[in-house]
Structure formats: C-alpha cells, structure tokens
C-alpha cells in the first residue's frame, strides 16, 4: 500500500481561503511601512511576496498522508516557526522505512499559517492562540480514534505541543502519546548581530517589530552554519545534494537566496507560547540535537540538555554533528525513529552523553 495524499482544498482554490482573500493587494503590501526602512526594503519585500505564489506548492497546506482506517502507526506533525505541514514529506522515506507503509500522518495547520501568507502576518498573539486551540483539538480527535499517537515536533514546534498537551489527561500523556523532537531549538530568541548588518539594506518595521532579510550561501557557513543553502548527504551508496529551498521558503535576490526574520516578533511569539506551558511533560520522548546548531548561539551541550530536560525530564537525547536543518537528513532521522520503535516495543537505551565543546558559532540568523 502506498500512502495516499489528502490536501486542503484551498491549496488549489484561491477563492476558498478567506484569510487569503483578505490580504491586501501585493502593491499595497510592498509599500513603505516606516520612513527608516532599509535602502532596498521595497525591492526585497516585492521579491519575497512574489515568491510566496511560486513556492506555495512545495510548502503549502498538507492535511494528511495515508489512510486512518488502515494505519498500524499514527503520527501527528507540528511544524516549527515559519515551518509548514508539507515539510513532513522530507522524513516520509524514513517513516515508511522504519514503520512500514501502513501509516497515517496528520499535520497541524490553520489558514492563518498558510505558506502563502507573509511571515510577519502569521505570528500575532491571536493567531498563536488559534494554533494552540487547533493543536489540542487535533490531539483529542486522534486519541479518540486511535490507541496510540506519536507526535513529531520540529524545532520550536515542540513548545506549541508542550503548551497544548498540558491540558490533556495524565493517562493519555503517560500511556498513549510518544514524542519525537527533531532539531531541538531554544525556548527564546536572542538579539543577533546580523540585524545590524542587513537592516540598513533591506529591513523594515511591521507593527513595532523590525524585520530584515539575511542571505543563505555556503560561503557564510564559517560565520553561521544556518546560512548554508545546500548540503551534500551521503549514506552508503546513496547520495543527494539537498537545497535549503527544498525544505523552507526562500526567495532569490541578486542571485542569492534570502529569508526574512524578526528576532523581536518571533521572540514575542515564543514567549507567549512558553508562558502557557504548565510544567514538565511525563511522556516518553526522543530528542535529536544538532551539535553545530547556530540557533543555540554557542551554548554548551550541558545547557542544551538542561533546557530539554526542563520540559522533558525523561527524554532520550541524541546529539549528532550537523547544523539545525541538516540534522534531519535521512541518516539521523532514521536512527532516531528506530530508537522510537524499539522503545515502543519495550526495549530501552542509555542516554547518550553530550559531546564536548559548544554548539553553534555564537551567531544566530
């Protein structure tokens, strides 16, 4: 059996998504938002907004994969900041390799977080509350129909899950949910020197928050491992050149790929969610950490582990040498999922010791 694909209708029907209809015209969206915006801010925004229409079929609004009535294993995917449900397709080969083809994967999605919407319009506090409500409702619906559910959280998406899961019955957390946290991310944003460099070029202010675009090019990896734009993966006789734009929305300007970010607005979003986490979660969990993760800004592995155990005291933690995004290549994801499957059969693993040194380069994009 091959997994079947169910896609929300609004991906292919521009008239079916009220939030999309309510967006201002592209010309208006590109207009100045601040007299102090960067020199090329209008041009960068225009190119970014056009890219949303071009790339949405790569990253857009996946509803579910597989047949829920035939599934032997059920998964629920929670994307990270500026992630989209469609990213689950990247680990689908690992899922089917470890768990077989009789799987059902549901993804957290709301129209407010559609890939076609500008990032700065997604992360309002009202939208975040809607997301947490949908996450709780999805979990309850899945648990009502299936005996066990494995939740796969990506990056900061874990904190959304932790905030929503606190209201679930204790028995469900302990006995019926299993958590996989890939590319573990910090529970807060810190200021970045990249803002000082690129805001004068392309930055602007949106509702009191400063946004700027930073470049992705492999030549920048010595400064920050998260700025790479390709990654060569090899496992045995298999190899492939992955592009960051295969996984995350990027737009091209001046022959280089860029992405918009706001440590201020995204930091406020994380704080709003983390404040709603009631405490440590008493559930089985496996976490995958990139030892060269630029988002940890040079924190030691011990600091990273303390952050994880603050929320998941019993987690099995796997440290692997990669950057934040490239730790979720098939090699490490398959290794992690095998551990999850063995744990579910009653076998256990020793917690791997953190490697020496510090994570990342001290800079975050």
Protein backbone atom coordinates (compact mmCIF):
# COMPACT_ATOMS: atom_id res chain seq x y z
CA UNK A 1 0.00 0.00 0.00
CA UNK A 2 1.29 3.45 -0.90
CA UNK A 3 0.42 6.34 1.41
CA UNK A 4 -2.35 8.44 -0.08
CA UNK A 5 -2.25 12.22 -0.10
CA UNK A 6 -5.03 14.45 1.17
CA UNK A 7 -4.56 18.17 0.58
CA UNK A 8 -6.68 21.02 1.87
CA UNK A 9 -8.82 22.40 -0.94
CA UNK A 10 -7.62 25.94 -0.52
CA UNK A 11 -4.20 24.99 -1.92
CA UNK A 12 -5.73 24.75 -5.38
CA UNK A 13 -8.64 27.17 -5.00
CA UNK A 14 -7.72 30.80 -4.47
CA UNK A 15 -11.35 31.58 -3.63
CA UNK A 16 -11.60 29.01 -0.85
CA UNK A 17 -9.41 30.63 1.76
CA UNK A 18 -10.94 33.72 3.41
CA UNK A 19 -7.65 34.83 5.01
CA UNK A 20 -6.04 34.82 1.56
CA UNK A 21 -8.86 36.94 0.12
CA UNK A 22 -8.45 39.38 2.97
CA UNK A 23 -4.78 40.00 2.23
CA UNK A 24 -4.05 43.49 0.90
CA UNK A 25 -3.07 43.82 -2.76
CA UNK A 26 0.56 42.95 -3.41
CA UNK A 27 1.36 46.54 -4.36
CA UNK A 28 -0.02 47.79 -1.06
CA UNK A 29 1.86 45.11 0.87
CA UNK A 30 5.10 46.23 -0.72
CA UNK A 31 4.52 49.88 0.19
CA UNK A 32 6.62 51.61 2.82
CA UNK A 33 5.93 50.71 6.45
CA UNK A 34 8.48 53.01 8.02
CA UNK A 35 10.45 56.07 6.99
CA UNK A 36 13.52 54.37 8.50
CA UNK A 37 13.37 51.19 6.43
CA UNK A 38 16.39 49.82 4.57
CA UNK A 39 17.65 51.13 1.27
CA UNK A 40 16.27 48.21 -0.77
CA UNK A 41 13.45 47.18 1.57
CA UNK A 42 10.68 47.67 -1.02
CA UNK A 43 12.51 45.62 -3.64
CA UNK A 44 13.27 42.80 -1.19
CA UNK A 45 9.65 42.66 0.03
CA UNK A 46 8.34 42.63 -3.52
CA UNK A 47 10.56 39.69 -4.45
CA UNK A 48 9.61 37.83 -1.25
CA UNK A 49 5.88 38.32 -1.78
CA UNK A 50 6.11 37.08 -5.36
CA UNK A 51 7.96 34.00 -4.15
CA UNK A 52 5.02 33.01 -1.93
CA UNK A 53 2.93 32.31 -5.01
CA UNK A 54 5.78 30.46 -6.71
CA UNK A 55 6.75 28.21 -3.81
CA UNK A 56 3.44 27.52 -2.10
CA UNK A 57 3.02 24.14 -3.81
CA UNK A 58 6.26 22.98 -2.20
CA UNK A 59 5.44 24.15 1.32
CA UNK A 60 1.70 24.56 1.49
CA UNK A 61 -1.19 23.19 3.40
CA UNK A 62 -0.88 19.44 3.69
CA UNK A 63 -3.75 17.95 5.65
CA UNK A 64 -2.85 14.28 5.97
CA UNK A 65 -0.95 11.37 4.49
CA UNK A 66 -2.23 7.81 4.45
CA UNK A 67 -5.45 6.06 5.39
CA UNK A 68 -6.51 6.48 9.05
CA UNK A 69 -8.68 3.35 8.84
CA UNK A 70 -5.83 1.13 7.66
CA UNK A 71 -3.00 2.58 9.73
CA UNK A 72 -0.83 0.49 12.03
CA UNK A 73 1.01 3.61 13.25
CA UNK A 74 -0.41 7.12 13.67
CA UNK A 75 1.68 10.30 13.66
CA UNK A 76 0.92 13.97 14.27
CA UNK A 77 3.33 16.58 12.87
CA UNK A 78 3.84 20.02 14.46
CA UNK A 79 5.99 22.38 12.33
CA UNK A 80 8.35 24.92 13.84
CA UNK A 81 8.42 28.69 13.40
CA UNK A 82 7.72 29.54 9.77
CA UNK A 83 7.51 25.82 9.05
CA UNK A 84 4.66 24.29 7.09
CA UNK A 85 2.87 20.93 7.17
CA UNK A 86 4.38 19.98 3.80
CA UNK A 87 7.80 19.62 5.42
CA UNK A 88 6.71 16.22 6.71
CA UNK A 89 7.36 14.82 3.24
CA UNK A 90 11.10 15.18 3.88
CA UNK A 91 11.08 12.48 6.57
CA UNK A 92 8.43 10.31 4.89
CA UNK A 93 11.05 7.89 3.47
CA UNK A 94 12.41 7.36 6.98
CA UNK A 95 8.92 6.89 8.43
CA UNK A 96 7.98 4.24 5.89
CA UNK A 97 11.39 2.57 6.13
CA UNK A 98 11.05 2.13 9.90
CA UNK A 99 7.29 1.75 10.38
CA UNK A 100 6.13 0.40 7.01
CA UNK A 101 3.62 1.84 4.56
CA UNK A 102 0.52 1.36 6.72
CA UNK A 103 0.85 4.72 8.45
CA UNK A 104 -1.33 7.78 8.90
CA UNK A 105 0.23 11.23 9.31
CA UNK A 106 -1.85 14.26 10.24
CA UNK A 107 -0.31 17.73 10.32
CA UNK A 108 -1.14 20.81 12.35
CA UNK A 109 -2.38 23.52 10.02
CA UNK A 110 -4.52 26.65 10.07
CA UNK A 111 -5.17 29.05 7.18
CA UNK A 112 -3.59 31.81 9.28
CA UNK A 113 -0.26 29.98 8.94
CA UNK A 114 -0.53 29.15 5.26
CA UNK A 115 2.72 29.16 3.28
CA UNK A 116 1.20 31.83 1.05
CA UNK A 117 1.00 34.37 3.87
CA UNK A 118 3.88 36.73 4.67
CA UNK A 119 5.74 35.62 7.78
CA UNK A 120 5.10 38.89 9.61
CA UNK A 121 1.33 38.37 9.30
CA UNK A 122 1.39 34.88 10.83
CA UNK A 123 2.82 35.38 14.29
CA UNK A 124 0.25 37.51 16.06
CA UNK A 125 -0.79 36.51 19.57
CA UNK A 126 -4.35 35.88 18.38
CA UNK A 127 -3.10 33.54 15.66
CA UNK A 128 -0.90 31.70 18.15
CA UNK A 129 -3.88 31.11 20.45
CA UNK A 130 -5.84 29.75 17.49
CA UNK A 131 -2.95 27.43 16.71
CA UNK A 132 -2.81 26.05 20.26
CA UNK A 133 -6.57 25.51 20.27
CA UNK A 134 -6.36 23.60 16.99
CA UNK A 135 -3.45 21.53 18.28
CA UNK A 136 -5.42 20.48 21.38
CA UNK A 137 -8.47 19.66 19.28
CA UNK A 138 -6.40 17.60 16.83
CA UNK A 139 -4.76 15.59 19.61
CA UNK A 140 -8.07 14.87 21.30
CA UNK A 141 -9.61 13.79 17.99
CA UNK A 142 -6.71 11.46 17.21
CA UNK A 143 -6.73 9.93 20.69
CA UNK A 144 -10.47 9.37 20.41
CA UNK A 145 -9.92 7.23 17.30
CA UNK A 146 -6.50 5.64 17.84
CA UNK A 147 -4.96 3.83 20.78
CA UNK A 148 -1.52 5.43 20.41
CA UNK A 149 -0.20 8.53 18.67
CA UNK A 150 3.40 9.54 18.01
CA UNK A 151 3.82 13.32 17.91
CA UNK A 152 6.65 14.62 15.72
CA UNK A 153 7.65 18.18 16.56
CA UNK A 154 10.07 20.23 14.51
CA UNK A 155 12.33 22.84 16.11
CA UNK A 156 10.29 25.42 18.07
CA UNK A 157 7.10 23.49 17.29
CA UNK A 158 7.80 21.46 20.42
CA UNK A 159 6.81 24.43 22.58
CA UNK A 160 3.44 24.63 20.82
CA UNK A 161 2.90 20.97 21.63
CA UNK A 162 4.05 21.38 25.24
CA UNK A 163 1.66 24.30 25.79
CA UNK A 164 -1.26 22.39 24.31
CA UNK A 165 -0.51 18.99 25.84
CA UNK A 166 -0.61 20.25 29.42
CA UNK A 167 -4.40 20.16 29.38
CA UNK A 168 -4.57 16.51 28.26
CA UNK A 169 -5.42 13.74 30.75
CA UNK A 170 -2.34 12.44 32.57
CA UNK A 171 -3.09 8.87 31.49
CA UNK A 172 -3.02 9.88 27.83
CA UNK A 173 0.33 11.62 28.25
CA UNK A 174 1.91 8.69 30.06
CA UNK A 175 0.43 5.78 28.18
CA UNK A 176 -0.80 6.84 24.74
CA UNK A 177 1.47 9.61 23.45
CA UNK A 178 5.06 9.28 22.30
CA UNK A 179 7.08 12.37 21.38
CA UNK A 180 9.79 12.85 18.77
CA UNK A 181 11.53 16.24 18.81
CA UNK A 182 13.74 16.86 15.79
CA UNK A 183 16.24 19.73 15.57
CA UNK A 184 15.72 20.87 19.17
CA UNK A 185 15.56 24.66 19.43
CA UNK A 186 15.91 27.14 22.33
CA UNK A 187 12.85 28.36 24.23
CA UNK A 188 13.65 32.01 23.49
CA UNK A 189 15.17 34.28 20.86
CA UNK A 190 18.27 36.38 21.46
CA UNK A 191 19.41 39.50 19.58
CA UNK A 192 21.62 38.83 16.58
CA UNK A 193 24.45 40.88 15.07
CA UNK A 194 23.07 40.01 11.63
CA UNK A 195 20.31 42.57 12.18
CA UNK A 196 22.83 45.39 12.42
CA UNK A 197 24.40 44.29 9.15
CA UNK A 198 21.31 43.73 6.99
CA UNK A 199 18.60 46.00 8.40
CA UNK A 200 20.13 49.08 6.70
CA UNK A 201 19.95 47.19 3.40
CA UNK A 202 16.50 45.58 3.43
CA UNK A 203 14.91 45.97 6.87
CA UNK A 204 11.54 47.46 7.74
CA UNK A 205 9.21 47.80 10.71
CA UNK A 206 5.87 45.99 10.93
CA UNK A 207 3.61 46.76 13.90
CA UNK A 208 6.54 47.74 16.06
CA UNK A 209 8.80 44.82 15.13
CA UNK A 210 11.92 45.06 12.97
CA UNK A 211 12.22 42.60 10.08
CA UNK A 212 15.22 42.05 7.85
CA UNK A 213 16.36 39.50 5.27
CA UNK A 214 19.59 37.55 5.68
CA UNK A 215 21.39 35.67 2.88
CA UNK A 216 21.87 31.93 2.53
CA UNK A 217 25.12 30.90 0.86
CA UNK A 218 27.61 28.18 1.71
CA UNK A 219 30.42 30.75 1.85
CA UNK A 220 28.78 32.15 5.00
CA UNK A 221 28.91 28.89 6.97
CA UNK A 222 32.07 29.85 8.90
CA UNK A 223 30.08 32.75 10.35
CA UNK A 224 26.88 30.80 10.99
CA UNK A 225 26.11 27.18 10.00
CA UNK A 226 22.44 28.10 9.47
CA UNK A 227 23.28 30.27 6.45
CA UNK A 228 24.17 27.37 4.12
CA UNK A 229 21.99 26.93 1.05
CA UNK A 230 22.93 23.34 0.10
CA UNK A 231 24.03 20.17 1.87
CA UNK A 232 25.65 17.09 0.37
CA UNK A 233 24.23 13.96 2.02
CA UNK A 234 25.68 10.50 1.62
CA UNK A 235 24.75 7.21 3.22
CA UNK A 236 26.39 4.11 1.83
CA UNK A 237 25.86 4.14 -1.92
CA UNK A 238 23.10 6.74 -1.69
CA UNK A 239 23.84 10.43 -2.09
CA UNK A 240 21.98 13.60 -2.85
CA UNK A 241 22.52 17.35 -2.86
CA UNK A 242 19.77 18.88 -0.69
CA UNK A 243 18.82 22.52 -1.12
CA UNK A 244 17.50 24.56 1.76
CA UNK A 245 14.73 25.79 -0.52
CA UNK A 246 13.58 22.15 -0.77
CA UNK A 247 12.54 22.41 2.87
CA UNK A 248 11.96 26.03 3.78
CA UNK A 249 10.64 29.03 1.89
CA UNK A 250 13.44 31.11 0.39
CA UNK A 251 13.39 33.88 -2.21
CA UNK A 252 16.10 34.92 -4.65
CA UNK A 253 17.51 38.42 -4.87
CA UNK A 254 20.75 39.33 -6.60
CA UNK A 255 21.41 35.67 -7.41
CA UNK A 256 21.37 34.68 -3.70
CA UNK A 257 18.69 33.01 -1.57
CA UNK A 258 17.30 35.07 1.35
CA UNK A 259 14.85 34.70 4.21
CA UNK A 260 13.08 37.32 6.35
CA UNK A 261 13.33 37.12 10.14
CA UNK A 262 12.45 39.22 13.17
CA UNK A 263 14.03 38.19 16.49
CA UNK A 264 11.67 40.68 18.15
CA UNK A 265 8.36 39.39 16.76
CA UNK A 266 9.32 35.71 16.71
CA UNK A 267 10.78 36.08 20.20
CA UNK A 268 7.48 37.51 21.43
CA UNK A 269 5.68 34.57 19.82
CA UNK A 270 7.88 32.03 21.61
CA UNK A 271 7.46 33.81 24.96
CA UNK A 272 3.67 33.84 24.54
CA UNK A 273 3.63 30.09 23.95
CA UNK A 274 6.21 29.13 26.60
CA UNK A 275 4.27 31.06 29.27
CA UNK A 276 1.39 28.63 28.69
CA UNK A 277 3.46 25.50 29.39
CA UNK A 278 2.27 24.16 32.74
CA UNK A 279 5.35 22.14 33.61
CA UNK A 280 7.41 19.07 32.65
CA UNK A 281 5.64 16.53 30.45
CA UNK A 282 5.53 12.96 31.80
CA UNK A 283 5.70 11.17 28.47
CA UNK A 284 8.17 9.05 26.52
CA UNK A 285 10.29 11.33 24.35
CA UNK A 286 13.25 11.17 21.99
CA UNK A 287 15.12 14.35 21.06
CA UNK A 288 17.59 14.95 18.22
CA UNK A 289 20.11 17.78 18.75
CA UNK A 290 22.47 19.27 16.16
CA UNK A 291 25.89 19.90 17.69
CA UNK A 292 26.61 22.68 15.14
CA UNK A 293 23.27 24.43 15.61
CA UNK A 294 23.66 28.18 15.09
CA UNK A 295 20.37 28.98 16.81
CA UNK A 296 21.82 27.93 20.17
CA UNK A 297 24.42 30.71 19.78
CA UNK A 298 27.37 28.77 21.12
CA UNK A 299 25.64 27.24 24.16
CA UNK A 300 27.30 24.17 25.64
CA UNK A 301 25.69 20.72 25.24
CA UNK A 302 25.05 20.75 29.00
CA UNK A 303 22.97 23.93 28.66
CA UNK A 304 21.05 22.41 25.76
CA UNK A 305 20.34 19.24 27.73
CA UNK A 306 19.16 21.24 30.75
CA UNK A 307 16.75 23.13 28.51
CA UNK A 308 15.34 19.91 27.10
CA UNK A 309 15.01 18.23 30.49
CA UNK A 310 13.25 21.27 31.90
CA UNK A 311 10.29 20.20 29.76
CA UNK A 312 11.07 16.51 29.13
CA UNK A 313 12.86 15.11 32.20
CA UNK A 314 12.89 11.53 30.91
CA UNK A 315 13.84 12.23 27.30
CA UNK A 316 16.41 10.17 25.44
CA UNK A 317 18.70 12.74 23.78
CA UNK A 318 20.68 12.07 20.62
CA UNK A 319 23.48 14.53 19.71
CA UNK A 320 24.66 14.41 16.10
CA UNK A 321 27.20 16.55 14.17
CA UNK A 322 25.14 18.78 11.89
CA UNK A 323 23.53 22.20 11.66
CA UNK A 324 19.94 22.87 12.73
CA UNK A 325 18.31 22.00 9.43
CA UNK A 326 20.68 19.33 8.17
CA UNK A 327 20.40 17.20 11.30
CA UNK A 328 17.06 16.00 9.90
CA UNK A 329 18.58 14.25 6.91
CA UNK A 330 17.54 10.60 6.37
CA UNK A 331 20.54 9.12 8.23
CA UNK A 332 19.85 10.76 11.59
CA UNK A 333 16.06 10.75 11.29
CA UNK A 334 16.03 7.03 10.54
CA UNK A 335 18.33 6.39 13.51
CA UNK A 336 16.02 8.40 15.76
CA UNK A 337 12.86 6.68 14.53
CA UNK A 338 14.41 3.25 15.03
CA UNK A 339 15.03 4.17 18.65
CA UNK A 340 11.41 5.27 18.94
CA UNK A 341 10.16 1.99 17.51
CA UNK A 342 12.39 -0.10 19.77
CA UNK A 343 11.28 1.92 22.79
CA UNK A 344 7.65 1.28 21.91
CA UNK A 345 8.34 -2.47 21.90
CA UNK A 346 9.66 -2.32 25.46
CA UNK A 347 13.39 -2.01 24.83
CA UNK A 348 15.33 0.95 26.20
CA UNK A 349 18.54 2.86 25.53
CA UNK A 350 21.12 4.52 27.72
CA UNK A 351 21.01 8.29 27.45
CA UNK A 352 23.92 9.28 25.19
CA UNK A 353 26.42 11.63 26.80
CA UNK A 354 26.69 15.11 25.28
CA UNK A 355 29.77 15.67 23.16
CA UNK A 356 32.47 18.06 24.38
CA UNK A 357 32.56 21.64 23.23
CA UNK A 358 29.87 24.19 22.47
CA UNK A 359 27.03 24.28 19.97
CA UNK A 360 26.99 26.64 17.03
CA UNK A 361 29.18 29.62 16.33
CA UNK A 362 27.79 32.23 18.68
CA UNK A 363 25.70 33.83 15.94
CA UNK A 364 22.08 33.22 15.04
CA UNK A 365 20.38 34.22 11.83
